[in-house]
C-alpha atoms as a PDB file:
ATOM      1  CA  MET A   1     -33.469  20.030 -27.579  1.00  0.00           C
ATOM      2  CA  GLN A   2     -30.813  21.422 -25.213  1.00  0.00           C
ATOM      3  CA  LYS A   3     -32.699  20.085 -22.214  1.00  0.00           C
ATOM      4  CA  MET A   4     -32.820  16.646 -23.819  1.00  0.00           C
ATOM      5  CA  LEU A   5     -29.068  16.699 -24.522  1.00  0.00           C
ATOM      6  CA  LEU A   6     -28.390  17.802 -20.946  1.00  0.00           C
ATOM      7  CA  SER A   7     -30.499  14.906 -19.675  1.00  0.00           C
ATOM      8  CA  ALA A   8     -28.510  12.490 -21.845  1.00  0.00           C
ATOM      9  CA  ALA A   9     -25.214  13.874 -20.514  1.00  0.00           C
ATOM     10  CA  ILE A  10     -26.394  13.485 -16.918  1.00  0.00           C
ATOM     11  CA  ALA A  11     -27.493   9.917 -17.645  1.00  0.00           C
ATOM     12  CA  ALA A  12     -24.119   9.069 -19.225  1.00  0.00           C
ATOM     13  CA  PHE A  13     -22.240  10.540 -16.267  1.00  0.00           C
ATOM     14  CA  THR A  14     -24.435   8.565 -13.859  1.00  0.00           C
ATOM     15  CA  ILE A  15     -23.723   5.329 -15.734  1.00  0.00           C
ATOM     16  CA  ALA A  16     -19.971   5.997 -15.705  1.00  0.00           C
ATOM     17  CA  ALA A  17     -20.036   6.747 -11.980  1.00  0.00           C
ATOM     18  CA  ALA A  18     -21.998   3.569 -11.268  1.00  0.00           C
ATOM     19  CA  ILE A  19     -19.427   1.327 -12.981  1.00  0.00           C
ATOM     20  CA  PRO A  20     -16.958  -0.168 -10.465  1.00  0.00           C
ATOM     21  CA  ALA A  21     -13.681   1.784 -10.423  1.00  0.00           C
ATOM     22  CA  SER A  22     -11.553  -1.288 -10.930  1.00  0.00           C
ATOM     23  CA  ALA A  23     -11.500  -5.057 -10.951  1.00  0.00           C
ATOM     24  CA  VAL A  24      -7.709  -5.235 -10.826  1.00  0.00           C
ATOM     25  CA  THR A  25      -6.229  -8.122  -8.810  1.00  0.00           C
ATOM     26  CA  MET A  26      -2.813  -8.878  -7.317  1.00  0.00           C
ATOM     27  CA  VAL A  27      -1.927 -12.450  -6.366  1.00  0.00           C
ATOM     28  CA  SER A  28       1.133 -14.518  -5.529  1.00  0.00           C
ATOM     29  CA  THR A  29       2.323 -16.484  -8.540  1.00  0.00           C
ATOM     30  CA  THR A  30       4.925 -18.743 -10.099  1.00  0.00           C
ATOM     31  CA  GLY A  31       5.443 -19.971 -13.637  1.00  0.00           C
ATOM     32  CA  THR A  32       6.500 -18.657 -17.014  1.00  0.00           C
ATOM     33  CA  PRO A  33       6.880 -14.964 -17.948  1.00  0.00           C
ATOM     34  CA  LEU A  34       4.214 -12.994 -19.775  1.00  0.00           C
ATOM     35  CA  SER A  35       4.538 -12.063 -23.461  1.00  0.00           C
ATOM     36  CA  GLU A  36       6.999  -9.152 -22.982  1.00  0.00           C
ATOM     37  CA  THR A  37      10.052  -9.616 -20.727  1.00  0.00           C
ATOM     38  CA  ILE A  38      12.319  -6.863 -19.366  1.00  0.00           C
ATOM     39  CA  LYS A  39      15.656  -7.760 -20.967  1.00  0.00           C
ATOM     40  CA  THR A  40      17.822  -4.618 -21.243  1.00  0.00           C
ATOM     41  CA  ASN A  41      18.355  -1.286 -19.491  1.00  0.00           C
ATOM     42  CA  SER A  42      20.139   2.026 -19.985  1.00  0.00           C
ATOM     43  CA  GLY A  43      23.014   0.882 -17.777  1.00  0.00           C
ATOM     44  CA  VAL A  44      23.285   4.202 -15.934  1.00  0.00           C
ATOM     45  CA  ASN A  45      22.574   4.776 -12.226  1.00  0.00           C
ATOM     46  CA  GLY A  46      19.987   7.413 -11.387  1.00  0.00           C
ATOM     47  CA  THR A  47      16.580   8.148  -9.929  1.00  0.00           C
ATOM     48  CA  SER A  48      15.091   7.326 -13.365  1.00  0.00           C
ATOM     49  CA  VAL A  49      16.263   4.355 -15.449  1.00  0.00           C
ATOM     50  CA  ASP A  50      14.924   3.178 -18.819  1.00  0.00           C
ATOM     51  CA  PHE A  51      14.258  -0.559 -19.298  1.00  0.00           C
ATOM     52  CA  PHE A  52      13.286  -2.305 -22.544  1.00  0.00           C
ATOM     53  CA  SER A  53      11.306  -5.444 -23.305  1.00  0.00           C
ATOM     54  CA  ASP A  54      11.803  -8.390 -25.606  1.00  0.00           C
ATOM     55  CA  PRO A  55      10.531  -9.013 -28.255  1.00  0.00           C
ATOM     56  CA  SER A  56       8.860  -5.627 -28.909  1.00  0.00           C
ATOM     57  CA  ASN A  57      11.473  -3.261 -27.395  1.00  0.00           C
ATOM     58  CA  LEU A  58       8.807  -1.421 -25.374  1.00  0.00           C
ATOM     59  CA  LYS A  59      10.218   1.106 -22.899  1.00  0.00           C
ATOM     60  CA  VAL A  60       9.302   1.053 -19.208  1.00  0.00           C
ATOM     61  CA  VAL A  61      10.648   3.831 -16.990  1.00  0.00           C
ATOM     62  CA  TYR A  62      11.715   2.803 -13.477  1.00  0.00           C
ATOM     63  CA  SER A  63      11.876   5.800 -11.126  1.00  0.00           C
ATOM     64  CA  SER A  64      12.397   6.374  -7.404  1.00  0.00           C
ATOM     65  CA  THR A  65      13.340   8.962  -4.819  1.00  0.00           C
ATOM     66  CA  SER A  66      16.330   6.656  -4.158  1.00  0.00           C
ATOM     67  CA  THR A  67      19.226   6.193  -6.568  1.00  0.00           C
ATOM     68  CA  LEU A  68      18.700   3.060  -8.653  1.00  0.00           C
ATOM     69  CA  HIS A  69      21.297   0.686 -10.061  1.00  0.00           C
ATOM     70  CA  PRO A  70      20.300  -1.274 -13.195  1.00  0.00           C
ATOM     71  CA  SER A  71      21.826  -4.698 -13.818  1.00  0.00           C
ATOM     72  CA  SER A  72      21.026  -8.049 -15.461  1.00  0.00           C
ATOM     73  CA  THR A  73      21.263 -11.764 -14.766  1.00  0.00           C
ATOM     74  CA  GLY A  74      19.859 -14.947 -16.286  1.00  0.00           C
ATOM     75  CA  GLY A  75      18.570 -13.098 -19.362  1.00  0.00           C
ATOM     76  CA  PHE A  76      16.523 -10.577 -17.354  1.00  0.00           C
ATOM     77  CA  ALA A  77      17.332  -6.961 -16.560  1.00  0.00           C
ATOM     78  CA  TYR A  78      16.610  -5.858 -13.012  1.00  0.00           C
ATOM     79  CA  VAL A  79      16.952  -2.872 -10.707  1.00  0.00           C
ATOM     80  CA  GLU A  80      18.381  -2.565  -7.206  1.00  0.00           C
ATOM     81  CA  GLY A  81      19.709   0.157  -4.957  1.00  0.00           C
ATOM     82  CA  VAL A  82      23.354   1.204  -4.918  1.00  0.00           C
ATOM     83  CA  ASN A  83      25.772  -0.405  -2.444  1.00  0.00           C
ATOM     84  CA  ASP A  84      23.175  -3.022  -1.413  1.00  0.00           C
ATOM     85  CA  LEU A  85      21.101  -0.310   0.305  1.00  0.00           C
ATOM     86  CA  GLY A  86      18.013  -0.963  -1.824  1.00  0.00           C
ATOM     87  CA  PHE A  87      15.363   1.657  -2.559  1.00  0.00           C
ATOM     88  CA  THR A  88      12.502   3.134  -0.522  1.00  0.00           C
ATOM     89  CA  ASN A  89       9.995   3.199  -3.400  1.00  0.00           C
ATOM     90  CA  LEU A  90       9.771   2.338  -7.076  1.00  0.00           C
ATOM     91  CA  THR A  91       7.453   3.489  -9.884  1.00  0.00           C
ATOM     92  CA  LEU A  92       7.014   1.585 -13.164  1.00  0.00           C
ATOM     93  CA  THR A  93       5.636   3.717 -16.001  1.00  0.00           C
ATOM     94  CA  PRO A  94       5.109   2.238 -19.485  1.00  0.00           C
ATOM     95  CA  ASP A  95       6.201   4.755 -22.140  1.00  0.00           C
ATOM     96  CA  GLY A  96       3.765   5.120 -25.054  1.00  0.00           C
ATOM     97  CA  PHE A  97       1.594   2.124 -24.104  1.00  0.00           C
ATOM     98  CA  THR A  98      -0.191   0.643 -21.073  1.00  0.00           C
ATOM     99  CA  PHE A  99      -0.095  -2.654 -19.181  1.00  0.00           C
ATOM    100  CA  SER A 100      -2.908  -5.155 -18.931  1.00  0.00           C
ATOM    101  CA  ASP A 101      -0.851  -7.514 -16.705  1.00  0.00           C
ATOM    102  CA  LEU A 102       2.480  -7.376 -14.879  1.00  0.00           C
ATOM    103  CA  LYS A 103       4.439 -10.253 -13.326  1.00  0.00           C
ATOM    104  CA  PHE A 104       7.505  -9.641 -11.148  1.00  0.00           C
ATOM    105  CA  ASN A 105       9.773 -10.858  -8.373  1.00  0.00           C
ATOM    106  CA  MET A 106      10.159  -8.374  -5.517  1.00  0.00           C
ATOM    107  CA  LYS A 107      13.109  -9.322  -3.298  1.00  0.00           C
ATOM    108  CA  LEU A 108      12.815  -8.273   0.359  1.00  0.00           C
ATOM    109  CA  PRO A 109      14.468  -6.574   2.180  1.00  0.00           C
ATOM    110  CA  ALA A 110      17.669  -4.705   1.185  1.00  0.00           C
ATOM    111  CA  LYS A 111      20.866  -6.522   2.161  1.00  0.00           C
ATOM    112  CA  ASP A 112      22.314  -3.572   4.100  1.00  0.00           C
ATOM    113  CA  GLY A 113      21.057  -0.534   5.958  1.00  0.00           C
ATOM    114  CA  GLY A 114      18.213  -2.188   7.857  1.00  0.00           C
ATOM    115  CA  PRO A 115      17.693  -2.087  11.614  1.00  0.00           C
ATOM    116  CA  THR A 116      19.679  -4.401  13.898  1.00  0.00           C
ATOM    117  CA  LEU A 117      17.361  -6.891  15.586  1.00  0.00           C
ATOM    118  CA  PRO A 118      17.955  -8.916  18.743  1.00  0.00           C
ATOM    119  CA  HIS A 119      18.984 -12.543  18.255  1.00  0.00           C
ATOM    120  CA  GLY A 120      16.102 -14.925  17.606  1.00  0.00           C
ATOM    121  CA  TYR A 121      13.692 -12.414  16.096  1.00  0.00           C
ATOM    122  CA  LYS A 122      11.684 -13.294  12.950  1.00  0.00           C
ATOM    123  CA  THR A 123      10.368 -10.577  10.618  1.00  0.00           C
ATOM    124  CA  ASP A 124       7.210 -10.578   8.471  1.00  0.00           C
ATOM    125  CA  PHE A 125       6.964  -7.928   5.767  1.00  0.00           C
ATOM    126  CA  THR A 126       4.205  -5.940   4.078  1.00  0.00           C
ATOM    127  CA  PHE A 127       4.397  -3.364   1.302  1.00  0.00           C
ATOM    128  CA  ASP A 128       1.967  -1.235  -0.692  1.00  0.00           C
ATOM    129  CA  THR A 129       1.361  -1.565  -4.427  1.00  0.00           C
ATOM    130  CA  THR A 130      -0.720   1.206  -6.026  1.00  0.00           C
ATOM    131  CA  VAL A 131      -2.089   0.643  -9.543  1.00  0.00           C
ATOM    132  CA  TYR A 132      -3.108   3.629 -11.707  1.00  0.00           C
ATOM    133  CA  PHE A 133      -5.284   3.598 -14.839  1.00  0.00           C
ATOM    134  CA  THR A 134      -5.825   5.747 -17.913  1.00  0.00           C
ATOM    135  CA  GLY A 135      -9.229   7.377 -18.305  1.00  0.00           C
ATOM    136  CA  ALA A 136     -11.865   6.517 -15.707  1.00  0.00           C
ATOM    137  CA  GLY A 137     -11.060   4.690 -12.507  1.00  0.00           C
ATOM    138  CA  SER A 138      -9.375   5.649  -9.262  1.00  0.00           C
ATOM    139  CA  PRO A 139      -6.008   4.203  -8.199  1.00  0.00           C
ATOM    140  CA  VAL A 140      -6.176   0.907  -6.291  1.00  0.00           C
ATOM    141  CA  THR A 141      -3.734   0.121  -3.448  1.00  0.00           C
ATOM    142  CA  PHE A 142      -2.897  -3.405  -2.280  1.00  0.00           C
ATOM    143  CA  ASN A 143      -1.116  -4.132   1.006  1.00  0.00           C
ATOM    144  CA  ASN A 144       0.881  -7.251   0.239  1.00  0.00           C
ATOM    145  CA  ALA A 145       2.439  -9.759   2.618  1.00  0.00           C
ATOM    146  CA  GLY A 146       5.912 -10.984   1.717  1.00  0.00           C
ATOM    147  CA  GLY A 147       8.700 -12.983   3.255  1.00  0.00           C
ATOM    148  CA  SER A 148      12.433 -12.419   3.155  1.00  0.00           C
ATOM    149  CA  GLY A 149      13.873 -13.279  -0.263  1.00  0.00           C
ATOM    150  CA  ASP A 150      11.926 -13.913  -3.473  1.00  0.00           C
ATOM    151  CA  ASN A 151       8.294 -12.807  -3.628  1.00  0.00           C
ATOM    152  CA  ARG A 152       6.564 -13.302  -6.986  1.00  0.00           C
ATOM    153  CA  PHE A 153       3.320 -11.524  -7.819  1.00  0.00           C
ATOM    154  CA  LEU A 154       0.951 -11.070 -10.756  1.00  0.00           C
ATOM    155  CA  ILE A 155      -1.100  -7.887 -11.255  1.00  0.00           C
ATOM    156  CA  THR A 156      -4.040  -8.270 -13.654  1.00  0.00           C
ATOM    157  CA  GLY A 157      -6.310  -5.451 -14.773  1.00  0.00           C
ATOM    158  CA  GLY A 158     -10.042  -5.960 -15.201  1.00  0.00           C
ATOM    159  CA  ILE A 159     -11.778  -5.998 -18.575  1.00  0.00           C
ATOM    160  CA  GLY A 160     -11.040  -2.747 -20.385  1.00  0.00           C
ATOM    161  CA  GLU A 161      -8.643  -1.476 -17.704  1.00  0.00           C
ATOM    162  CA  ALA A 162      -5.420   0.021 -19.047  1.00  0.00           C
ATOM    163  CA  ILE A 163      -2.734   0.262 -16.356  1.00  0.00           C
ATOM    164  CA  SER A 164      -0.699   3.459 -16.754  1.00  0.00           C
ATOM    165  CA  LYS A 165       1.555   3.285 -13.686  1.00  0.00           C
ATOM    166  CA  ILE A 166       2.433   1.003 -10.755  1.00  0.00           C
ATOM    167  CA  VAL A 167       4.032   2.255  -7.527  1.00  0.00           C
ATOM    168  CA  PHE A 168       5.704   0.103  -4.848  1.00  0.00           C
ATOM    169  CA  SER A 169       6.235   1.734  -1.450  1.00  0.00           C
ATOM    170  CA  ASN A 170       6.029   1.525   2.341  1.00  0.00           C
ATOM    171  CA  LEU A 171       7.954  -1.678   3.082  1.00  0.00           C
ATOM    172  CA  VAL A 172       7.400  -2.448   6.772  1.00  0.00           C
ATOM    173  CA  GLY A 173       8.719  -5.328   8.842  1.00  0.00           C
ATOM    174  CA  VAL A 174       7.061  -6.597  12.015  1.00  0.00           C
ATOM    175  CA  SER A 175       9.553  -8.611  14.099  1.00  0.00           C
ATOM    176  CA  THR A 176       8.645 -11.033  16.845  1.00  0.00           C
ATOM    177  CA  GLY A 177      10.815 -12.975  19.292  1.00  0.00           C
ATOM    178  CA  GLY A 178       9.779 -15.050  22.271  1.00  0.00           C
ATOM    179  CA  LYS A 179       6.369 -14.721  23.878  1.00  0.00           C
ATOM    180  CA  ASP A 180       7.660 -12.193  26.407  1.00  0.00           C
ATOM    181  CA  ASP A 181       9.707 -10.168  23.913  1.00  0.00           C
ATOM    182  CA  PRO A 182       8.352  -6.869  22.553  1.00  0.00           C
ATOM    183  CA  ILE A 183       7.070  -6.697  18.966  1.00  0.00           C
ATOM    184  CA  LEU A 184       9.299  -4.452  16.842  1.00  0.00           C
ATOM    185  CA  THR A 185       7.980  -2.542  13.793  1.00  0.00           C
ATOM    186  CA  ASN A 186      10.482  -0.940  11.411  1.00  0.00           C
ATOM    187  CA  ALA A 187      10.633   0.609   7.946  1.00  0.00           C
ATOM    188  CA  TYR A 188      12.868  -1.185   5.434  1.00  0.00           C
ATOM    189  CA  ASN A 189      14.132  -0.697   1.886  1.00  0.00           C
ATOM    190  CA  PHE A 190      13.284  -3.000  -1.010  1.00  0.00           C
ATOM    191  CA  ASP A 191      16.217  -5.108  -2.221  1.00  0.00           C
ATOM    192  CA  SER A 192      15.438  -5.340  -5.954  1.00  0.00           C
ATOM    193  CA  LEU A 193      12.760  -5.861  -8.590  1.00  0.00           C
ATOM    194  CA  ARG A 194      13.604  -8.824 -10.840  1.00  0.00           C
ATOM    195  CA  GLN A 195      12.176 -11.137 -13.520  1.00  0.00           C
ATOM    196  CA  THR A 196       9.659  -8.549 -14.673  1.00  0.00           C
ATOM    197  CA  SER A 197       7.349  -9.329 -17.588  1.00  0.00           C
ATOM    198  CA  PHE A 198       4.083  -7.888 -18.853  1.00  0.00           C
ATOM    199  CA  ASP A 199       1.293  -7.992 -21.409  1.00  0.00           C
ATOM    200  CA  ALA A 200       0.572  -4.743 -23.213  1.00  0.00           C
ATOM    201  CA  PHE A 201      -3.026  -3.520 -23.100  1.00  0.00           C
ATOM    202  CA  ALA A 202      -5.050  -4.243 -26.248  1.00  0.00           C
ATOM    203  CA  SER A 203      -7.267  -1.213 -26.865  1.00  0.00           C
ATOM    204  CA  GLY A 204     -10.137  -3.102 -28.508  1.00  0.00           C
ATOM    205  CA  VAL A 205     -12.291  -3.035 -25.357  1.00  0.00           C
ATOM    206  CA  PRO A 206     -13.478   0.470 -24.362  1.00  0.00           C
ATOM    207  CA  GLU A 207     -12.924   1.676 -20.812  1.00  0.00           C
ATOM    208  CA  PRO A 208     -15.944   2.576 -18.617  1.00  0.00           C
ATOM    209  CA  GLY A 209     -15.565   6.300 -19.309  1.00  0.00           C
ATOM    210  CA  THR A 210     -15.482   5.602 -23.041  1.00  0.00           C
ATOM    211  CA  TRP A 211     -18.714   3.598 -22.805  1.00  0.00           C
ATOM    212  CA  ALA A 212     -20.354   6.613 -21.144  1.00  0.00           C
ATOM    213  CA  LEU A 213     -19.237   8.873 -24.008  1.00  0.00           C
ATOM    214  CA  PHE A 214     -20.595   6.348 -26.524  1.00  0.00           C
ATOM    215  CA  ILE A 215     -23.960   6.397 -24.778  1.00  0.00           C
ATOM    216  CA  LEU A 216     -24.002  10.201 -24.711  1.00  0.00           C
ATOM    217  CA  GLY A 217     -23.115  10.377 -28.405  1.00  0.00           C
ATOM    218  CA  PHE A 218     -25.719   7.833 -29.479  1.00  0.00           C
ATOM    219  CA  GLY A 219     -28.338   9.611 -27.389  1.00  0.00           C
ATOM    220  CA  ALA A 220     -27.520  12.965 -28.953  1.00  0.00           C
ATOM    221  CA  ILE A 221     -27.679  11.518 -32.476  1.00  0.00           C
ATOM    222  CA  GLY A 222     -31.015   9.891 -31.740  1.00  0.00           C
ATOM    223  CA  MET A 223     -32.459  13.149 -30.425  1.00  0.00           C
ATOM    224  CA  MET A 224     -31.218  15.055 -33.471  1.00  0.00           C
ATOM    225  CA  LEU A 225     -32.860  12.516 -35.777  1.00  0.00           C
ATOM    226  CA  ARG A 226     -36.122  12.736 -33.856  1.00  0.00           C
ATOM    227  CA  SER A 227     -35.991  16.541 -33.995  1.00  0.00           C
ATOM    228  CA  GLY A 228     -35.308  16.421 -37.744  1.00  0.00           C
ATOM    229  CA  ARG A 229     -38.290  14.140 -38.406  1.00  0.00           C
ATOM    230  CA  GLY A 230     -40.468  16.500 -36.389  1.00  0.00           C
ATOM    231  CA  ARG A 231     -39.476  19.471 -38.569  1.00  0.00           C
ATOM    232  CA  VAL A 232     -40.153  17.485 -41.760  1.00  0.00           C
ATOM    233  CA  ARG A 233     -43.656  16.576 -40.610  1.00  0.00           C
ATOM    234  CA  ALA A 234     -44.324  20.221 -39.750  1.00  0.00           C
END
């Protein structure tokens, strides 16, 4: 009996490991907000700032190693750095729930504090977005291209994927001038995160790790029933 249960556990673990870690996507987007929009904030500067959605008043914690300044415009709450210096990184953590989708406008780069470039140089930006999940699944990192100014993106989790945290970091600008000018690569700060909206994860679809536990449980019950019938016949 114990050997049979051990075999079922190994099989369930194998199935869970074979399921792809994530089908999350991140694409450029436009259009209307998702069902929950970030409308209000705590109003206090700090390395951690609480934001709240409309209509459900769900809390999302914005945190950074930089000091953040919360503000609002056009009906949306947003976050930027103090004194137009931006922030080096930003983590969004839903409090008491998870995301299934997130839409946002990441403005690049910070107004002040960046490197001084020679006249005539043009800069192309990239930054990393790392998406974390509850339960099974490893974090997924996207390296996103963005231009100066507004950059709107949509992050969508795969079926059954509950997003527990999203981290923005590593904003880099590659600057080019004339054909004989050197290429310049510099680190920059983000300007602000604006027009953020999301859909909360609906827990009706089990995650891959949960499916594996279901399989293990059903297998164990089936083996117990078979063992019980064997004892009755004896």
